């Protein structure tokens, strides 16, 4: 059954929309930059280590999709997430 205001969202396009909105509000985007670990000191987030260096930030959003659990585990954070097969099919960088 379909209701008149139902919508279909293409997940990669939702991510692109969020990225564009963030950039429009002053966020710096670093496409094709692997996040390796969230840095935590004294129980507080201090930034993120990437393949291109460290970025200091009081807030880090783990938006790694199917790789969220692996990114979190690099920082000793447990995220009870088990990706499904279709989530792993196409990696968006």
N, C-alpha and C. Protein backbone atom coordinates (compact mmCIF):
# COMPACT_ATOMS: atom_id res chain seq x y z
N UNK A 1 0.84 -1.17 0.00
CA UNK A 1 0.00 0.00 0.00
C UNK A 1 0.89 1.24 0.00
N UNK A 2 0.50 2.22 -0.75
CA UNK A 2 1.25 3.47 -0.83
C UNK A 2 0.36 4.60 -0.36
N UNK A 3 0.92 5.45 0.46
CA UNK A 3 0.20 6.63 0.95
C UNK A 3 0.71 7.84 0.18
N UNK A 4 -0.15 8.78 -0.13
CA UNK A 4 0.15 9.92 -1.00
C UNK A 4 1.43 10.67 -0.70
N UNK A 5 1.84 10.79 0.56
CA UNK A 5 3.04 11.57 0.86
C UNK A 5 4.26 10.69 1.14
N UNK A 6 4.17 9.39 0.83
CA UNK A 6 5.34 8.52 0.96
C UNK A 6 6.43 8.99 0.02
N UNK A 7 7.65 8.84 0.44
CA UNK A 7 8.78 9.24 -0.38
C UNK A 7 9.80 8.11 -0.41
N UNK A 8 10.51 8.03 -1.52
CA UNK A 8 11.63 7.10 -1.64
C UNK A 8 12.90 7.93 -1.63
N UNK A 9 13.86 7.53 -0.81
CA UNK A 9 15.13 8.23 -0.74
C UNK A 9 16.24 7.29 -1.19
N UNK A 10 17.08 7.77 -2.07
CA UNK A 10 18.26 7.04 -2.48
C UNK A 10 19.34 7.37 -1.45
N UNK A 11 19.74 6.41 -0.60
CA UNK A 11 20.67 6.70 0.50
C UNK A 11 21.91 7.50 0.11
N UNK A 12 22.61 7.16 -0.98
CA UNK A 12 23.78 7.98 -1.32
C UNK A 12 23.41 9.45 -1.60
N UNK A 13 22.26 9.67 -2.20
CA UNK A 13 21.85 11.04 -2.49
C UNK A 13 21.47 11.80 -1.21
N UNK A 14 20.95 11.08 -0.22
CA UNK A 14 20.67 11.71 1.07
C UNK A 14 21.98 12.21 1.69
N UNK A 15 23.02 11.36 1.62
CA UNK A 15 24.33 11.76 2.15
C UNK A 15 24.88 12.97 1.41
N UNK A 16 24.74 12.99 0.10
CA UNK A 16 25.19 14.14 -0.70
C UNK A 16 24.43 15.39 -0.29
N UNK A 17 23.14 15.26 -0.07
CA UNK A 17 22.33 16.40 0.36
C UNK A 17 22.80 16.96 1.70
N UNK A 18 23.07 16.06 2.65
CA UNK A 18 23.59 16.50 3.95
C UNK A 18 24.94 17.20 3.79
N UNK A 19 25.81 16.64 2.96
CA UNK A 19 27.13 17.24 2.74
C UNK A 19 27.00 18.63 2.12
N UNK A 20 26.14 18.78 1.14
CA UNK A 20 25.95 20.09 0.51
C UNK A 20 25.39 21.11 1.50
N UNK A 21 24.45 20.67 2.31
CA UNK A 21 23.87 21.57 3.31
C UNK A 21 24.92 21.98 4.34
N UNK A 22 25.74 21.03 4.76
CA UNK A 22 26.80 21.35 5.73
C UNK A 22 27.80 22.34 5.13
N UNK A 23 28.20 22.11 3.88
CA UNK A 23 29.14 23.02 3.21
C UNK A 23 28.55 24.41 3.08
N UNK A 24 27.26 24.48 2.78
CA UNK A 24 26.60 25.78 2.65
C UNK A 24 26.57 26.53 3.97
N UNK A 25 26.70 25.79 5.06
CA UNK A 25 26.69 26.42 6.39
C UNK A 25 28.09 26.54 6.99
N UNK A 26 29.12 26.35 6.15
CA UNK A 26 30.48 26.62 6.59
C UNK A 26 31.33 25.41 6.94
N UNK A 27 30.79 24.21 6.84
CA UNK A 27 31.59 23.02 7.15
C UNK A 27 32.65 22.82 6.07
N UNK A 28 33.78 22.31 6.48
CA UNK A 28 34.84 21.94 5.55
C UNK A 28 34.69 20.46 5.24
N UNK A 29 34.55 20.13 3.97
CA UNK A 29 34.42 18.74 3.55
C UNK A 29 35.75 18.24 3.03
N UNK A 30 36.09 17.03 3.36
CA UNK A 30 37.34 16.41 2.91
C UNK A 30 37.02 15.11 2.21
N UNK A 31 36.53 15.17 0.96
CA UNK A 31 36.20 13.94 0.25
C UNK A 31 37.43 13.09 0.00
N UNK A 32 37.19 11.81 -0.09
CA UNK A 32 38.26 10.84 -0.35
C UNK A 32 39.36 10.90 0.70
N UNK A 33 38.95 11.15 1.95
CA UNK A 33 39.87 11.17 3.08
C UNK A 33 39.43 10.09 4.06
N UNK A 34 40.22 9.04 4.20
CA UNK A 34 39.86 7.95 5.10
C UNK A 34 39.98 8.38 6.55
N UNK A 35 38.92 8.17 7.32
CA UNK A 35 38.96 8.38 8.76
C UNK A 35 39.47 7.10 9.40
N UNK A 36 40.50 7.22 10.22
CA UNK A 36 41.12 6.04 10.81
C UNK A 36 40.68 5.81 12.25
N UNK A 37 40.50 6.90 13.01
CA UNK A 37 40.11 6.76 14.41
C UNK A 37 39.57 8.07 14.94
N UNK A 38 38.65 7.96 15.88
CA UNK A 38 38.17 9.12 16.63
C UNK A 38 39.12 9.27 17.82
N UNK A 39 39.64 10.46 18.02
CA UNK A 39 40.58 10.69 19.11
C UNK A 39 39.81 11.08 20.37
N UNK A 40 40.13 10.39 21.46
CA UNK A 40 39.46 10.63 22.74
C UNK A 40 40.53 10.82 23.80
N UNK A 41 40.38 11.88 24.58
CA UNK A 41 41.31 12.16 25.67
C UNK A 41 40.49 12.47 26.92
N UNK A 42 40.78 11.79 28.01
CA UNK A 42 40.07 11.97 29.27
C UNK A 42 38.56 11.82 29.09
N UNK A 43 38.17 10.87 28.24
CA UNK A 43 36.76 10.59 28.04
C UNK A 43 36.02 11.55 27.14
N UNK A 44 36.74 12.47 26.50
CA UNK A 44 36.10 13.45 25.61
C UNK A 44 36.70 13.38 24.22
N UNK A 45 35.85 13.55 23.23
CA UNK A 45 36.31 13.57 21.84
C UNK A 45 37.16 14.82 21.63
N UNK A 46 38.32 14.62 20.98
CA UNK A 46 39.19 15.76 20.69
C UNK A 46 39.42 15.95 19.20
N UNK A 47 38.97 14.98 18.40
CA UNK A 47 39.14 15.10 16.96
C UNK A 47 39.14 13.75 16.30
N UNK A 48 39.73 13.71 15.12
CA UNK A 48 39.78 12.49 14.34
C UNK A 48 41.13 12.38 13.63
N UNK A 49 41.65 11.18 13.56
CA UNK A 49 42.87 10.92 12.79
C UNK A 49 42.44 10.41 11.42
N UNK A 50 42.96 11.04 10.38
CA UNK A 50 42.64 10.64 9.02
C UNK A 50 43.93 10.19 8.33
N UNK A 51 43.76 9.67 7.14
CA UNK A 51 44.93 9.26 6.35
C UNK A 51 45.78 10.47 5.96
N UNK A 52 45.20 11.68 6.06
CA UNK A 52 45.92 12.90 5.69
C UNK A 52 46.35 13.73 6.89
N UNK A 53 46.18 13.18 8.11
CA UNK A 53 46.58 13.90 9.31
C UNK A 53 45.48 13.95 10.34
N UNK A 54 45.72 14.70 11.40
CA UNK A 54 44.78 14.81 12.51
C UNK A 54 43.98 16.10 12.39
N UNK A 55 42.70 16.00 12.69
CA UNK A 55 41.81 17.16 12.70
C UNK A 55 41.26 17.29 14.11
N UNK A 56 41.49 18.42 14.74
CA UNK A 56 40.96 18.65 16.08
C UNK A 56 39.54 19.17 15.98
N UNK A 57 38.66 18.59 16.79
CA UNK A 57 37.25 19.00 16.78
C UNK A 57 36.59 18.50 18.06
N UNK A 58 35.69 19.31 18.64
CA UNK A 58 35.00 18.87 19.85
C UNK A 58 33.88 17.86 19.57
N UNK A 59 33.48 17.74 18.31
CA UNK A 59 32.42 16.81 17.91
C UNK A 59 32.86 16.09 16.64
N UNK A 60 32.66 14.79 16.60
CA UNK A 60 32.95 14.00 15.42
C UNK A 60 31.71 13.17 15.11
N UNK A 61 31.28 13.20 13.87
CA UNK A 61 30.15 12.40 13.42
C UNK A 61 30.69 11.22 12.63
N UNK A 62 30.43 10.02 13.11
CA UNK A 62 30.85 8.81 12.41
C UNK A 62 29.77 8.48 11.39
N UNK A 63 30.01 8.85 10.15
CA UNK A 63 29.06 8.59 9.07
C UNK A 63 29.67 7.64 8.07
N UNK A 64 30.32 6.60 8.57
CA UNK A 64 31.06 5.67 7.73
C UNK A 64 30.18 4.58 7.12
N UNK A 65 28.90 4.68 7.32
CA UNK A 65 27.99 3.70 6.72
C UNK A 65 28.29 2.29 7.21
N UNK A 66 28.48 1.39 6.27
CA UNK A 66 28.72 -0.01 6.60
C UNK A 66 30.01 -0.21 7.39
N UNK A 67 30.89 0.79 7.40
CA UNK A 67 32.17 0.70 8.11
C UNK A 67 32.14 1.43 9.45
N UNK A 68 30.96 1.86 9.89
CA UNK A 68 30.85 2.58 11.16
C UNK A 68 31.46 1.80 12.31
N UNK A 69 31.13 0.53 12.40
CA UNK A 69 31.64 -0.27 13.52
C UNK A 69 33.16 -0.32 13.52
N UNK A 70 33.77 -0.52 12.35
CA UNK A 70 35.23 -0.61 12.29
C UNK A 70 35.89 0.71 12.68
N UNK A 71 35.36 1.82 12.21
CA UNK A 71 35.92 3.13 12.58
C UNK A 71 35.81 3.33 14.09
N UNK A 72 34.66 3.03 14.65
CA UNK A 72 34.45 3.20 16.09
C UNK A 72 35.39 2.30 16.89
N UNK A 73 35.54 1.05 16.47
CA UNK A 73 36.39 0.12 17.20
C UNK A 73 37.85 0.55 17.24
N UNK A 74 38.30 1.31 16.24
CA UNK A 74 39.67 1.84 16.27
C UNK A 74 39.88 2.81 17.42
N UNK A 75 38.77 3.27 18.01
CA UNK A 75 38.84 4.19 19.14
C UNK A 75 38.30 3.56 20.41
N UNK A 76 38.22 2.23 20.42
CA UNK A 76 37.69 1.48 21.56
C UNK A 76 36.24 1.84 21.88
N UNK A 77 35.47 2.16 20.85
CA UNK A 77 34.04 2.43 20.99
C UNK A 77 33.31 1.26 20.36
N UNK A 78 32.33 0.72 21.08
CA UNK A 78 31.57 -0.41 20.54
C UNK A 78 30.25 0.09 19.98
N UNK A 79 30.03 -0.13 18.70
CA UNK A 79 28.77 0.19 18.04
C UNK A 79 28.17 -1.14 17.59
N UNK A 80 27.04 -1.55 18.18
CA UNK A 80 26.46 -2.85 17.83
C UNK A 80 25.77 -2.80 16.47
N UNK A 81 26.56 -2.72 15.43
CA UNK A 81 26.04 -2.60 14.08
C UNK A 81 26.56 -3.76 13.23
N UNK A 82 25.65 -4.38 12.50
CA UNK A 82 26.03 -5.43 11.58
C UNK A 82 25.48 -5.04 10.22
N UNK A 83 26.35 -4.60 9.30
CA UNK A 83 25.86 -4.17 7.98
C UNK A 83 25.29 -5.34 7.19
N UNK A 84 24.35 -5.03 6.34
CA UNK A 84 23.80 -6.05 5.46
C UNK A 84 24.58 -6.07 4.16
N UNK A 85 24.41 -7.11 3.40
CA UNK A 85 25.20 -7.28 2.18
C UNK A 85 25.08 -6.11 1.22
N UNK A 86 23.88 -5.60 0.98
CA UNK A 86 23.72 -4.50 0.02
C UNK A 86 24.38 -3.21 0.49
N UNK A 87 24.59 -3.05 1.80
CA UNK A 87 25.28 -1.86 2.29
C UNK A 87 26.76 -1.89 1.92
N UNK A 88 27.31 -3.04 1.79
CA UNK A 88 28.73 -3.18 1.47
C UNK A 88 29.01 -3.17 -0.03
N UNK A 89 27.98 -3.29 -0.81
CA UNK A 89 28.15 -3.47 -2.25
C UNK A 89 28.89 -2.31 -2.92
N UNK A 90 28.58 -1.10 -2.55
CA UNK A 90 29.22 0.04 -3.21
C UNK A 90 29.77 0.98 -2.15
N UNK A 91 31.05 1.15 -2.13
CA UNK A 91 31.68 2.06 -1.19
C UNK A 91 31.69 3.45 -1.77
N UNK A 92 31.17 4.42 -1.03
CA UNK A 92 31.15 5.80 -1.47
C UNK A 92 32.30 6.53 -0.79
N UNK A 93 33.17 7.13 -1.55
CA UNK A 93 34.32 7.85 -0.97
C UNK A 93 34.12 9.33 -1.12
